[in-house]
Structure formats: C-alpha cells, structure tokens
C-alpha cells in the first residue's frame, strides 16, 4: 500500500533470513560436536 508496508515486508524478510541463518548455524555446530574427532581436556583448574 505504502512505504510503511514496504518497510514491513523488508523487515519480515530480514527476520526470516536471520532465522534461516540461525538454524543453519545450529546445524553446523551440531555436526561439529557430534563428529568422531577427539578433544584434549585442559589441565585441571579451580571452578572459580
């Protein structure tokens, strides 16, 4: 209808794009941590 609705559509596209990026980032992170690569724990240190 007007410029305000145009901005609204663009903001929704941006939100959905950010949502897609967030989902793909989570998927990429999950694929990394569930791999077979072993990690080496660091030296013991106080919790604080």
ModelCIF file with pLDDT and N, C-alpha, C, O atoms, coordinates in Angstrom:
data_MODEL
#
_entry.id   MODEL 
#
_entity.id                         1 
_entity.type                       polymer 
_entity.pdbx_number_of_molecules   1 
#
_entity_poly.entity_id                      1 
_entity_poly.type                           'polypeptide(L)' 
_entity_poly.nstd_linkage                   no 
_entity_poly.nstd_monomer                   no 
_entity_poly.pdbx_seq_one_letter_code       
;(UNK)(UNK)(UNK)(UNK)(UNK)(UNK)(UNK)(UNK)(UNK)(UNK)(UNK)(UNK)(UNK)(UNK)(UNK)(UNK)
(UNK)(UNK)(UNK)(UNK)(UNK)(UNK)(UNK)(UNK)(UNK)(UNK)(UNK)(UNK)(UNK)(UNK)(UNK)(UNK)
(UNK)(UNK)(UNK)(UNK)(UNK)(UNK)(UNK)(UNK)(UNK)(UNK)(UNK)(UNK)(UNK)(UNK)(UNK)(UNK)
;
_entity_poly.pdbx_seq_one_letter_code_can   XXXXXXXXXXXXXXXXXXXXXXXXXXXXXXXXXXXXXXXXXXXXXXXX 
_entity_poly.pdbx_strand_id                 A 
#
loop_
_entity_poly_seq.entity_id 
_entity_poly_seq.num 
_entity_poly_seq.mon_id 
_entity_poly_seq.hetero 
1 1  UNK n 
1 2  UNK n 
1 3  UNK n 
1 4  UNK n 
1 5  UNK n 
1 6  UNK n 
1 7  UNK n 
1 8  UNK n 
1 9  UNK n 
1 10 UNK n 
1 11 UNK n 
1 12 UNK n 
1 13 UNK n 
1 14 UNK n 
1 15 UNK n 
1 16 UNK n 
1 17 UNK n 
1 18 UNK n 
1 19 UNK n 
1 20 UNK n 
1 21 UNK n 
1 22 UNK n 
1 23 UNK n 
1 24 UNK n 
1 25 UNK n 
1 26 UNK n 
1 27 UNK n 
1 28 UNK n 
1 29 UNK n 
1 30 UNK n 
1 31 UNK n 
1 32 UNK n 
1 33 UNK n 
1 34 UNK n 
1 35 UNK n 
1 36 UNK n 
1 37 UNK n 
1 38 UNK n 
1 39 UNK n 
1 40 UNK n 
1 41 UNK n 
1 42 UNK n 
1 43 UNK n 
1 44 UNK n 
1 45 UNK n 
1 46 UNK n 
1 47 UNK n 
1 48 UNK n 
#
_struct_asym.id          A 
_struct_asym.entity_id   1 
#
loop_
_ma_qa_metric.id 
_ma_qa_metric.mode 
_ma_qa_metric.name 
_ma_qa_metric.software_group_id 
_ma_qa_metric.type 
1 global pLDDT . pLDDT 
2 local  pLDDT . pLDDT 
#
_ma_qa_metric_global.metric_id      1 
_ma_qa_metric_global.metric_value   75.29 
_ma_qa_metric_global.model_id       1 
_ma_qa_metric_global.ordinal_id     1 
#
loop_
_ma_qa_metric_local.label_asym_id 
_ma_qa_metric_local.label_comp_id 
_ma_qa_metric_local.label_seq_id 
_ma_qa_metric_local.metric_id 
_ma_qa_metric_local.metric_value 
_ma_qa_metric_local.model_id 
_ma_qa_metric_local.ordinal_id 
A UNK 1  2 78.00 1 1  
A UNK 2  2 80.00 1 2  
A UNK 3  2 80.00 1 3  
A UNK 4  2 80.00 1 4  
A UNK 5  2 82.00 1 5  
A UNK 6  2 81.00 1 6  
A UNK 7  2 82.00 1 7  
A UNK 8  2 82.00 1 8  
A UNK 9  2 80.00 1 9  
A UNK 10 2 84.00 1 10 
A UNK 11 2 81.00 1 11 
A UNK 12 2 81.00 1 12 
A UNK 13 2 82.00 1 13 
A UNK 14 2 81.00 1 14 
A UNK 15 2 76.00 1 15 
A UNK 16 2 78.00 1 16 
A UNK 17 2 82.00 1 17 
A UNK 18 2 74.00 1 18 
A UNK 19 2 73.00 1 19 
A UNK 20 2 77.00 1 20 
A UNK 21 2 74.00 1 21 
A UNK 22 2 69.00 1 22 
A UNK 23 2 69.00 1 23 
A UNK 24 2 74.00 1 24 
A UNK 25 2 67.00 1 25 
A UNK 26 2 65.00 1 26 
A UNK 27 2 67.00 1 27 
A UNK 28 2 64.00 1 28 
A UNK 29 2 62.00 1 29 
A UNK 30 2 63.00 1 30 
A UNK 31 2 62.00 1 31 
A UNK 32 2 58.00 1 32 
A UNK 33 2 59.00 1 33 
A UNK 34 2 60.00 1 34 
A UNK 35 2 57.00 1 35 
A UNK 36 2 57.00 1 36 
A UNK 37 2 61.00 1 37 
A UNK 38 2 70.00 1 38 
A UNK 39 2 75.00 1 39 
A UNK 40 2 83.00 1 40 
A UNK 41 2 86.00 1 41 
A UNK 42 2 86.00 1 42 
A UNK 43 2 89.00 1 43 
A UNK 44 2 89.00 1 44 
A UNK 45 2 89.00 1 45 
A UNK 46 2 90.00 1 46 
A UNK 47 2 87.00 1 47 
A UNK 48 2 88.00 1 48 
#
loop_
_atom_site.group_PDB 
_atom_site.id 
_atom_site.type_symbol 
_atom_site.label_atom_id 
_atom_site.label_alt_id 
_atom_site.label_comp_id 
_atom_site.label_asym_id 
_atom_site.label_entity_id 
_atom_site.label_seq_id 
_atom_site.pdbx_PDB_ins_code 
_atom_site.Cartn_x 
_atom_site.Cartn_y 
_atom_site.Cartn_z 
_atom_site.occupancy 
_atom_site.B_iso_or_equiv 
_atom_site.pdbx_formal_charge 
_atom_site.auth_seq_id 
_atom_site.auth_comp_id 
_atom_site.auth_asym_id 
_atom_site.auth_atom_id 
_atom_site.pdbx_PDB_model_num 
ATOM 1   N N  . UNK A 1 1  ? 0.812  -1.216  0.000  1.00 78.00 ? 1  UNK A N  1 
ATOM 2   C CA . UNK A 1 1  ? 0.000  0.000   0.000  1.00 78.00 ? 1  UNK A CA 1 
ATOM 3   C C  . UNK A 1 1  ? 0.843  1.261   0.000  1.00 78.00 ? 1  UNK A C  1 
ATOM 4   O O  . UNK A 1 1  ? 0.612  2.196   -0.767 1.00 78.00 ? 1  UNK A O  1 
ATOM 5   N N  . UNK A 1 2  ? 1.835  1.255   0.894  1.00 80.00 ? 2  UNK A N  1 
ATOM 6   C CA . UNK A 1 2  ? 2.631  2.487   1.051  1.00 80.00 ? 2  UNK A CA 1 
ATOM 7   C C  . UNK A 1 2  ? 4.038  2.109   1.464  1.00 80.00 ? 2  UNK A C  1 
ATOM 8   O O  . UNK A 1 2  ? 4.399  0.932   1.486  1.00 80.00 ? 2  UNK A O  1 
ATOM 9   N N  . UNK A 1 3  ? 4.831  3.122   1.791  1.00 80.00 ? 3  UNK A N  1 
ATOM 10  C CA . UNK A 1 3  ? 6.220  2.914   2.178  1.00 80.00 ? 3  UNK A CA 1 
ATOM 11  C C  . UNK A 1 3  ? 6.318  2.158   3.501  1.00 80.00 ? 3  UNK A C  1 
ATOM 12  O O  . UNK A 1 3  ? 7.238  1.361   3.689  1.00 80.00 ? 3  UNK A O  1 
ATOM 13  N N  . UNK A 1 4  ? 5.396  2.394   4.403  1.00 80.00 ? 4  UNK A N  1 
ATOM 14  C CA . UNK A 1 4  ? 5.438  1.684   5.697  1.00 80.00 ? 4  UNK A CA 1 
ATOM 15  C C  . UNK A 1 4  ? 5.254  0.179   5.504  1.00 80.00 ? 4  UNK A C  1 
ATOM 16  O O  . UNK A 1 4  ? 5.949  -0.620  6.131  1.00 80.00 ? 4  UNK A O  1 
ATOM 17  N N  . UNK A 1 5  ? 4.325  -0.201  4.643  1.00 82.00 ? 5  UNK A N  1 
ATOM 18  C CA . UNK A 1 5  ? 4.129  -1.638  4.374  1.00 82.00 ? 5  UNK A CA 1 
ATOM 19  C C  . UNK A 1 5  ? 5.328  -2.219  3.642  1.00 82.00 ? 5  UNK A C  1 
ATOM 20  O O  . UNK A 1 5  ? 5.687  -3.379  3.845  1.00 82.00 ? 5  UNK A O  1 
ATOM 21  N N  . UNK A 1 6  ? 5.948  -1.408  2.787  1.00 81.00 ? 6  UNK A N  1 
ATOM 22  C CA . UNK A 1 6  ? 7.155  -1.857  2.099  1.00 81.00 ? 6  UNK A CA 1 
ATOM 23  C C  . UNK A 1 6  ? 8.257  -2.166  3.113  1.00 81.00 ? 6  UNK A C  1 
ATOM 24  O O  . UNK A 1 6  ? 8.926  -3.195  3.024  1.00 81.00 ? 6  UNK A O  1 
ATOM 25  N N  . UNK A 1 7  ? 8.436  -1.261  4.076  1.00 82.00 ? 7  UNK A N  1 
ATOM 26  C CA . UNK A 1 7  ? 9.451  -1.491  5.115  1.00 82.00 ? 7  UNK A CA 1 
ATOM 27  C C  . UNK A 1 7  ? 9.092  -2.716  5.963  1.00 82.00 ? 7  UNK A C  1 
ATOM 28  O O  . UNK A 1 7  ? 9.968  -3.472  6.386  1.00 82.00 ? 7  UNK A O  1 
ATOM 29  N N  . UNK A 1 8  ? 7.809  -2.894  6.199  1.00 82.00 ? 8  UNK A N  1 
ATOM 30  C CA . UNK A 1 8  ? 7.357  -4.047  6.981  1.00 82.00 ? 8  UNK A CA 1 
ATOM 31  C C  . UNK A 1 8  ? 7.725  -5.348  6.273  1.00 82.00 ? 8  UNK A C  1 
ATOM 32  O O  . UNK A 1 8  ? 8.212  -6.288  6.902  1.00 82.00 ? 8  UNK A O  1 
ATOM 33  N N  . UNK A 1 9  ? 7.492  -5.395  4.977  1.00 80.00 ? 9  UNK A N  1 
ATOM 34  C CA . UNK A 1 9  ? 7.837  -6.601  4.209  1.00 80.00 ? 9  UNK A CA 1 
ATOM 35  C C  . UNK A 1 9  ? 9.349  -6.851  4.241  1.00 80.00 ? 9  UNK A C  1 
ATOM 36  O O  . UNK A 1 9  ? 9.804  -7.981  4.417  1.00 80.00 ? 9  UNK A O  1 
ATOM 37  N N  . UNK A 1 10 ? 10.105 -5.781  4.070  1.00 84.00 ? 10 UNK A N  1 
ATOM 38  C CA . UNK A 1 10 ? 11.573 -5.927  4.085  1.00 84.00 ? 10 UNK A CA 1 
ATOM 39  C C  . UNK A 1 10 ? 12.062 -6.400  5.459  1.00 84.00 ? 10 UNK A C  1 
ATOM 40  O O  . UNK A 1 10 ? 12.970 -7.228  5.529  1.00 84.00 ? 10 UNK A O  1 
ATOM 41  N N  . UNK A 1 11 ? 11.483 -5.896  6.545  1.00 81.00 ? 11 UNK A N  1 
ATOM 42  C CA . UNK A 1 11 ? 11.863 -6.324  7.893  1.00 81.00 ? 11 UNK A CA 1 
ATOM 43  C C  . UNK A 1 11 ? 11.517 -7.789  8.111  1.00 81.00 ? 11 UNK A C  1 
ATOM 44  O O  . UNK A 1 11 ? 12.284 -8.522  8.735  1.00 81.00 ? 11 UNK A O  1 
ATOM 45  N N  . UNK A 1 12 ? 10.354 -8.225  7.594  1.00 81.00 ? 12 UNK A N  1 
ATOM 46  C CA . UNK A 1 12 ? 9.988  -9.635  7.749  1.00 81.00 ? 12 UNK A CA 1 
ATOM 47  C C  . UNK A 1 12 ? 10.931 -10.538 6.964  1.00 81.00 ? 12 UNK A C  1 
ATOM 48  O O  . UNK A 1 12 ? 11.308 -11.617 7.422  1.00 81.00 ? 12 UNK A O  1 
ATOM 49  N N  . UNK A 1 13 ? 11.303 -10.075 5.773  1.00 82.00 ? 13 UNK A N  1 
ATOM 50  C CA . UNK A 1 13 ? 12.283 -10.861 5.007  1.00 82.00 ? 13 UNK A CA 1 
ATOM 51  C C  . UNK A 1 13 ? 13.590 -10.954 5.773  1.00 82.00 ? 13 UNK A C  1 
ATOM 52  O O  . UNK A 1 13 ? 14.230 -12.005 5.809  1.00 82.00 ? 13 UNK A O  1 
ATOM 53  N N  . UNK A 1 14 ? 13.988 -9.815  6.400  1.00 81.00 ? 14 UNK A N  1 
ATOM 54  C CA . UNK A 1 14 ? 15.234 -9.826  7.187  1.00 81.00 ? 14 UNK A CA 1 
ATOM 55  C C  . UNK A 1 14 ? 15.125 -10.772 8.379  1.00 81.00 ? 14 UNK A C  1 
ATOM 56  O O  . UNK A 1 14 ? 16.070 -11.499 8.685  1.00 81.00 ? 14 UNK A O  1 
ATOM 57  N N  . UNK A 1 15 ? 13.964 -10.763 9.058  1.00 76.00 ? 15 UNK A N  1 
ATOM 58  C CA . UNK A 1 15 ? 13.756 -11.652 10.200 1.00 76.00 ? 15 UNK A CA 1 
ATOM 59  C C  . UNK A 1 15 ? 13.817 -13.115 9.782  1.00 76.00 ? 15 UNK A C  1 
ATOM 60  O O  . UNK A 1 15 ? 14.451 -13.935 10.446 1.00 76.00 ? 15 UNK A O  1 
ATOM 61  N N  . UNK A 1 16 ? 13.153 -13.435 8.678  1.00 78.00 ? 16 UNK A N  1 
ATOM 62  C CA . UNK A 1 16 ? 13.157 -14.820 8.212  1.00 78.00 ? 16 UNK A CA 1 
ATOM 63  C C  . UNK A 1 16 ? 14.558 -15.244 7.769  1.00 78.00 ? 16 UNK A C  1 
ATOM 64  O O  . UNK A 1 16 ? 14.967 -16.387 7.973  1.00 78.00 ? 16 UNK A O  1 
ATOM 65  N N  . UNK A 1 17 ? 15.283 -14.309 7.162  1.00 82.00 ? 17 UNK A N  1 
ATOM 66  C CA . UNK A 1 17 ? 16.658 -14.629 6.748  1.00 82.00 ? 17 UNK A CA 1 
ATOM 67  C C  . UNK A 1 17 ? 17.540 -14.877 7.959  1.00 82.00 ? 17 UNK A C  1 
ATOM 68  O O  . UNK A 1 17 ? 18.349 -15.804 7.972  1.00 82.00 ? 17 UNK A O  1 
ATOM 69  N N  . UNK A 1 18 ? 17.376 -14.037 8.983  1.00 74.00 ? 18 UNK A N  1 
ATOM 70  C CA . UNK A 1 18 ? 18.138 -14.239 10.222 1.00 74.00 ? 18 UNK A CA 1 
ATOM 71  C C  . UNK A 1 18 ? 17.794 -15.573 10.863 1.00 74.00 ? 18 UNK A C  1 
ATOM 72  O O  . UNK A 1 18 ? 18.658 -16.275 11.389 1.00 74.00 ? 18 UNK A O  1 
ATOM 73  N N  . UNK A 1 19 ? 16.497 -15.908 10.804 1.00 73.00 ? 19 UNK A N  1 
ATOM 74  C CA . UNK A 1 19 ? 16.053 -17.202 11.345 1.00 73.00 ? 19 UNK A CA 1 
ATOM 75  C C  . UNK A 1 19 ? 16.710 -18.365 10.607 1.00 73.00 ? 19 UNK A C  1 
ATOM 76  O O  . UNK A 1 19 ? 17.146 -19.332 11.232 1.00 73.00 ? 19 UNK A O  1 
ATOM 77  N N  . UNK A 1 20 ? 16.780 -18.274 9.292  1.00 77.00 ? 20 UNK A N  1 
ATOM 78  C CA . UNK A 1 20 ? 17.436 -19.315 8.495  1.00 77.00 ? 20 UNK A CA 1 
ATOM 79  C C  . UNK A 1 20 ? 18.913 -19.426 8.853  1.00 77.00 ? 20 UNK A C  1 
ATOM 80  O O  . UNK A 1 20 ? 19.456 -20.522 8.987  1.00 77.00 ? 20 UNK A O  1 
ATOM 81  N N  . UNK A 1 21 ? 19.549 -18.268 9.005  1.00 74.00 ? 21 UNK A N  1 
ATOM 82  C CA . UNK A 1 21 ? 20.971 -18.282 9.371  1.00 74.00 ? 21 UNK A CA 1 
ATOM 83  C C  . UNK A 1 21 ? 21.175 -18.928 10.737 1.00 74.00 ? 21 UNK A C  1 
ATOM 84  O O  . UNK A 1 21 ? 22.118 -19.692 10.941 1.00 74.00 ? 21 UNK A O  1 
ATOM 85  N N  . UNK A 1 22 ? 20.292 -18.615 11.656 1.00 69.00 ? 22 UNK A N  1 
ATOM 86  C CA . UNK A 1 22 ? 20.397 -19.192 12.995 1.00 69.00 ? 22 UNK A CA 1 
ATOM 87  C C  . UNK A 1 22 ? 20.236 -20.709 12.954 1.00 69.00 ? 22 UNK A C  1 
ATOM 88  O O  . UNK A 1 22 ? 20.986 -21.432 13.611 1.00 69.00 ? 22 UNK A O  1 
ATOM 89  N N  . UNK A 1 23 ? 19.278 -21.185 12.198 1.00 69.00 ? 23 UNK A N  1 
ATOM 90  C CA . UNK A 1 23 ? 19.064 -22.636 12.089 1.00 69.00 ? 23 UNK A CA 1 
ATOM 91  C C  . UNK A 1 23 ? 20.254 -23.334 11.436 1.00 69.00 ? 23 UNK A C  1 
ATOM 92  O O  . UNK A 1 23 ? 20.682 -24.397 11.885 1.00 69.00 ? 23 UNK A O  1 
ATOM 93  N N  . UNK A 1 24 ? 20.777 -22.735 10.385 1.00 74.00 ? 24 UNK A N  1 
ATOM 94  C CA . UNK A 1 24 ? 21.930 -23.357 9.713  1.00 74.00 ? 24 UNK A CA 1 
ATOM 95  C C  . UNK A 1 24 ? 23.175 -23.315 10.597 1.00 74.00 ? 24 UNK A C  1 
ATOM 96  O O  . UNK A 1 24 ? 23.990 -24.238 10.569 1.00 74.00 ? 24 UNK A O  1 
ATOM 97  N N  . UNK A 1 25 ? 23.323 -22.237 11.387 1.00 67.00 ? 25 UNK A N  1 
ATOM 98  C CA . UNK A 1 25 ? 24.455 -22.175 12.320 1.00 67.00 ? 25 UNK A CA 1 
ATOM 99  C C  . UNK A 1 25 ? 24.354 -23.272 13.363 1.00 67.00 ? 25 UNK A C  1 
ATOM 100 O O  . UNK A 1 25 ? 25.350 -23.911 13.703 1.00 67.00 ? 25 UNK A O  1 
ATOM 101 N N  . UNK A 1 26 ? 23.153 -23.487 13.868 1.00 65.00 ? 26 UNK A N  1 
ATOM 102 C CA . UNK A 1 26 ? 22.955 -24.564 14.851 1.00 65.00 ? 26 UNK A CA 1 
ATOM 103 C C  . UNK A 1 26 ? 23.262 -25.933 14.243 1.00 65.00 ? 26 UNK A C  1 
ATOM 104 O O  . UNK A 1 26 ? 23.891 -26.782 14.874 1.00 65.00 ? 26 UNK A O  1 
ATOM 105 N N  . UNK A 1 27 ? 22.812 -26.122 13.026 1.00 67.00 ? 27 UNK A N  1 
ATOM 106 C CA . UNK A 1 27 ? 23.059 -27.408 12.362 1.00 67.00 ? 27 UNK A CA 1 
ATOM 107 C C  . UNK A 1 27 ? 24.551 -27.622 12.140 1.00 67.00 ? 27 UNK A C  1 
ATOM 108 O O  . UNK A 1 27 ? 25.061 -28.725 12.335 1.00 67.00 ? 27 UNK A O  1 
ATOM 109 N N  . UNK A 1 28 ? 25.252 -26.558 11.731 1.00 64.00 ? 28 UNK A N  1 
ATOM 110 C CA . UNK A 1 28 ? 26.692 -26.669 11.510 1.00 64.00 ? 28 UNK A CA 1 
ATOM 111 C C  . UNK A 1 28 ? 27.425 -26.968 12.816 1.00 64.00 ? 28 UNK A C  1 
ATOM 112 O O  . UNK A 1 28 ? 28.343 -27.788 12.858 1.00 64.00 ? 28 UNK A O  1 
ATOM 113 N N  . UNK A 1 29 ? 26.996 -26.281 13.885 1.00 62.00 ? 29 UNK A N  1 
ATOM 114 C CA . UNK A 1 29 ? 27.619 -26.520 15.190 1.00 62.00 ? 29 UNK A CA 1 
ATOM 115 C C  . UNK A 1 29 ? 27.372 -27.949 15.662 1.00 62.00 ? 29 UNK A C  1 
ATOM 116 O O  . UNK A 1 29 ? 28.270 -28.593 16.203 1.00 62.00 ? 29 UNK A O  1 
ATOM 117 N N  . UNK A 1 30 ? 26.172 -28.434 15.458 1.00 63.00 ? 30 UNK A N  1 
ATOM 118 C CA . UNK A 1 30 ? 25.835 -29.797 15.874 1.00 63.00 ? 30 UNK A CA 1 
ATOM 119 C C  . UNK A 1 30 ? 26.673 -30.828 15.120 1.00 63.00 ? 30 UNK A C  1 
ATOM 120 O O  . UNK A 1 30 ? 27.125 -31.815 15.699 1.00 63.00 ? 30 UNK A O  1 
ATOM 121 N N  . UNK A 1 31 ? 26.877 -30.588 13.817 1.00 62.00 ? 31 UNK A N  1 
ATOM 122 C CA . UNK A 1 31 ? 27.691 -31.520 13.019 1.00 62.00 ? 31 UNK A CA 1 
ATOM 123 C C  . UNK A 1 31 ? 29.134 -31.539 13.496 1.00 62.00 ? 31 UNK A C  1 
ATOM 124 O O  . UNK A 1 31 ? 29.811 -32.561 13.389 1.00 62.00 ? 31 UNK A O  1 
ATOM 125 N N  . UNK A 1 32 ? 29.611 -30.407 14.025 1.00 58.00 ? 32 UNK A N  1 
ATOM 126 C CA . UNK A 1 32 ? 30.991 -30.354 14.520 1.00 58.00 ? 32 UNK A CA 1 
ATOM 127 C C  . UNK A 1 32 ? 31.148 -31.138 15.814 1.00 58.00 ? 32 UNK A C  1 
ATOM 128 O O  . UNK A 1 32 ? 32.079 -31.932 15.949 1.00 58.00 ? 32 UNK A O  1 
ATOM 129 N N  . UNK A 1 33 ? 30.252 -30.923 16.761 1.00 59.00 ? 33 UNK A N  1 
ATOM 130 C CA . UNK A 1 33 ? 30.409 -31.523 18.089 1.00 59.00 ? 33 UNK A CA 1 
ATOM 131 C C  . UNK A 1 33 ? 30.029 -32.997 18.107 1.00 59.00 ? 33 UNK A C  1 
ATOM 132 O O  . UNK A 1 33 ? 30.441 -33.723 19.012 1.00 59.00 ? 33 UNK A O  1 
ATOM 133 N N  . UNK A 1 34 ? 29.247 -33.460 17.120 1.00 60.00 ? 34 UNK A N  1 
ATOM 134 C CA . UNK A 1 34 ? 28.882 -34.885 17.094 1.00 60.00 ? 34 UNK A CA 1 
ATOM 135 C C  . UNK A 1 34 ? 29.821 -35.695 16.228 1.00 60.00 ? 34 UNK A C  1 
ATOM 136 O O  . UNK A 1 34 ? 29.579 -36.881 16.004 1.00 60.00 ? 34 UNK A O  1 
ATOM 137 N N  . UNK A 1 35 ? 30.887 -35.088 15.735 1.00 57.00 ? 35 UNK A N  1 
ATOM 138 C CA . UNK A 1 35 ? 31.855 -35.835 14.926 1.00 57.00 ? 35 UNK A CA 1 
ATOM 139 C C  . UNK A 1 35 ? 32.683 -36.771 15.786 1.00 57.00 ? 35 UNK A C  1 
ATOM 140 O O  . UNK A 1 35 ? 32.531 -36.810 17.007 1.00 57.00 ? 35 UNK A O  1 
ATOM 141 N N  . UNK A 1 36 ? 33.562 -37.529 15.136 1.00 57.00 ? 36 UNK A N  1 
ATOM 142 C CA . UNK A 1 36 ? 34.399 -38.512 15.830 1.00 57.00 ? 36 UNK A CA 1 
ATOM 143 C C  . UNK A 1 36 ? 35.718 -37.936 16.325 1.00 57.00 ? 36 UNK A C  1 
ATOM 144 O O  . UNK A 1 36 ? 36.528 -38.646 16.921 1.00 57.00 ? 36 UNK A O  1 
ATOM 145 N N  . UNK A 1 37 ? 35.930 -36.643 16.076 1.00 61.00 ? 37 UNK A N  1 
ATOM 146 C CA . UNK A 1 37 ? 37.191 -36.038 16.498 1.00 61.00 ? 37 UNK A CA 1 
ATOM 147 C C  . UNK A 1 37 ? 37.272 -36.009 18.024 1.00 61.00 ? 37 UNK A C  1 
ATOM 148 O O  . UNK A 1 37 ? 36.343 -35.577 18.706 1.00 61.00 ? 37 UNK A O  1 
ATOM 149 N N  . UNK A 1 38 ? 38.416 -36.486 18.542 1.00 70.00 ? 38 UNK A N  1 
ATOM 150 C CA . UNK A 1 38 ? 38.630 -36.475 19.976 1.00 70.00 ? 38 UNK A CA 1 
ATOM 151 C C  . UNK A 1 38 ? 39.160 -35.111 20.405 1.00 70.00 ? 38 UNK A C  1 
ATOM 152 O O  . UNK A 1 38 ? 39.875 -34.443 19.658 1.00 70.00 ? 38 UNK A O  1 
ATOM 153 N N  . UNK A 1 39 ? 38.796 -34.711 21.624 1.00 75.00 ? 39 UNK A N  1 
ATOM 154 C CA . UNK A 1 39 ? 39.298 -33.453 22.178 1.00 75.00 ? 39 UNK A CA 1 
ATOM 155 C C  . UNK A 1 39 ? 40.247 -33.753 23.318 1.00 75.00 ? 39 UNK A C  1 
ATOM 156 O O  . UNK A 1 39 ? 40.168 -34.815 23.935 1.00 75.00 ? 39 UNK A O  1 
ATOM 157 N N  . UNK A 1 40 ? 41.133 -32.833 23.596 1.00 83.00 ? 40 UNK A N  1 
ATOM 158 C CA . UNK A 1 40 ? 42.068 -32.989 24.710 1.00 83.00 ? 40 UNK A CA 1 
ATOM 159 C C  . UNK A 1 40 ? 41.698 -31.982 25.790 1.00 83.00 ? 40 UNK A C  1 
ATOM 160 O O  . UNK A 1 40 ? 41.795 -30.771 25.590 1.00 83.00 ? 40 UNK A O  1 
ATOM 161 N N  . UNK A 1 41 ? 41.276 -32.498 26.928 1.00 86.00 ? 41 UNK A N  1 
ATOM 162 C CA . UNK A 1 41 ? 40.904 -31.622 28.039 1.00 86.00 ? 41 UNK A CA 1 
ATOM 163 C C  . UNK A 1 41 ? 42.119 -30.872 28.562 1.00 86.00 ? 41 UNK A C  1 
ATOM 164 O O  . UNK A 1 41 ? 43.242 -31.374 28.538 1.00 86.00 ? 41 UNK A O  1 
ATOM 165 N N  . UNK A 1 42 ? 41.867 -29.677 29.029 1.00 86.00 ? 42 UNK A N  1 
ATOM 166 C CA . UNK A 1 42 ? 42.953 -28.854 29.558 1.00 86.00 ? 42 UNK A CA 1 
ATOM 167 C C  . UNK A 1 42 ? 43.317 -29.284 30.975 1.00 86.00 ? 42 UNK A C  1 
ATOM 168 O O  . UNK A 1 42 ? 42.638 -30.118 31.572 1.00 86.00 ? 42 UNK A O  1 
ATOM 169 N N  . UNK A 1 43 ? 44.382 -28.715 31.501 1.00 89.00 ? 43 UNK A N  1 
ATOM 170 C CA . UNK A 1 43 ? 44.842 -29.062 32.847 1.00 89.00 ? 43 UNK A CA 1 
ATOM 171 C C  . UNK A 1 43 ? 43.775 -28.697 33.871 1.00 89.00 ? 43 UNK A C  1 
ATOM 172 O O  . UNK A 1 43 ? 43.052 -27.720 33.676 1.00 89.00 ? 43 UNK A O  1 
ATOM 173 N N  . UNK A 1 44 ? 43.656 -29.462 34.964 1.00 89.00 ? 44 UNK A N  1 
ATOM 174 C CA . UNK A 1 44 ? 42.652 -29.155 35.997 1.00 89.00 ? 44 UNK A CA 1 
ATOM 175 C C  . UNK A 1 44 ? 42.834 -27.737 36.550 1.00 89.00 ? 44 UNK A C  1 
ATOM 176 O O  . UNK A 1 44 ? 43.951 -27.285 36.800 1.00 89.00 ? 44 UNK A O  1 
ATOM 177 N N  . UNK A 1 45 ? 41.701 -27.054 36.731 1.00 89.00 ? 45 UNK A N  1 
ATOM 178 C CA . UNK A 1 45 ? 41.737 -25.690 37.263 1.00 89.00 ? 45 UNK A CA 1 
ATOM 179 C C  . UNK A 1 45 ? 40.544 -25.490 38.176 1.00 89.00 ? 45 UNK A C  1 
ATOM 180 O O  . UNK A 1 45 ? 39.524 -26.166 38.038 1.00 89.00 ? 45 UNK A O  1 
ATOM 181 N N  . UNK A 1 46 ? 40.676 -24.545 39.122 1.00 90.00 ? 46 UNK A N  1 
ATOM 182 C CA . UNK A 1 46 ? 39.587 -24.284 40.048 1.00 90.00 ? 46 UNK A CA 1 
ATOM 183 C C  . UNK A 1 46 ? 38.355 -23.781 39.306 1.00 90.00 ? 46 UNK A C  1 
ATOM 184 O O  . UNK A 1 46 ? 38.455 -23.047 38.323 1.00 90.00 ? 46 UNK A O  1 
ATOM 185 N N  . UNK A 1 47 ? 37.190 -24.195 39.803 1.00 87.00 ? 47 UNK A N  1 
ATOM 186 C CA . UNK A 1 47 ? 35.903 -23.821 39.202 1.00 87.00 ? 47 UNK A CA 1 
ATOM 187 C C  . UNK A 1 47 ? 35.766 -22.299 39.091 1.00 87.00 ? 47 UNK A C  1 
ATOM 188 O O  . UNK A 1 47 ? 35.273 -21.791 38.084 1.00 87.00 ? 47 UNK A O  1 
ATOM 189 N N  . UNK A 1 48 ? 36.199 -21.584 40.116 1.00 88.00 ? 48 UNK A N  1 
ATOM 190 C CA . UNK A 1 48 ? 36.087 -20.119 40.113 1.00 88.00 ? 48 UNK A CA 1 
ATOM 191 C C  . UNK A 1 48 ? 36.943 -19.498 39.023 1.00 88.00 ? 48 UNK A C  1 
ATOM 192 O O  . UNK A 1 48 ? 36.968 -18.275 38.879 1.00 88.00 ? 48 UNK A O  1 
#
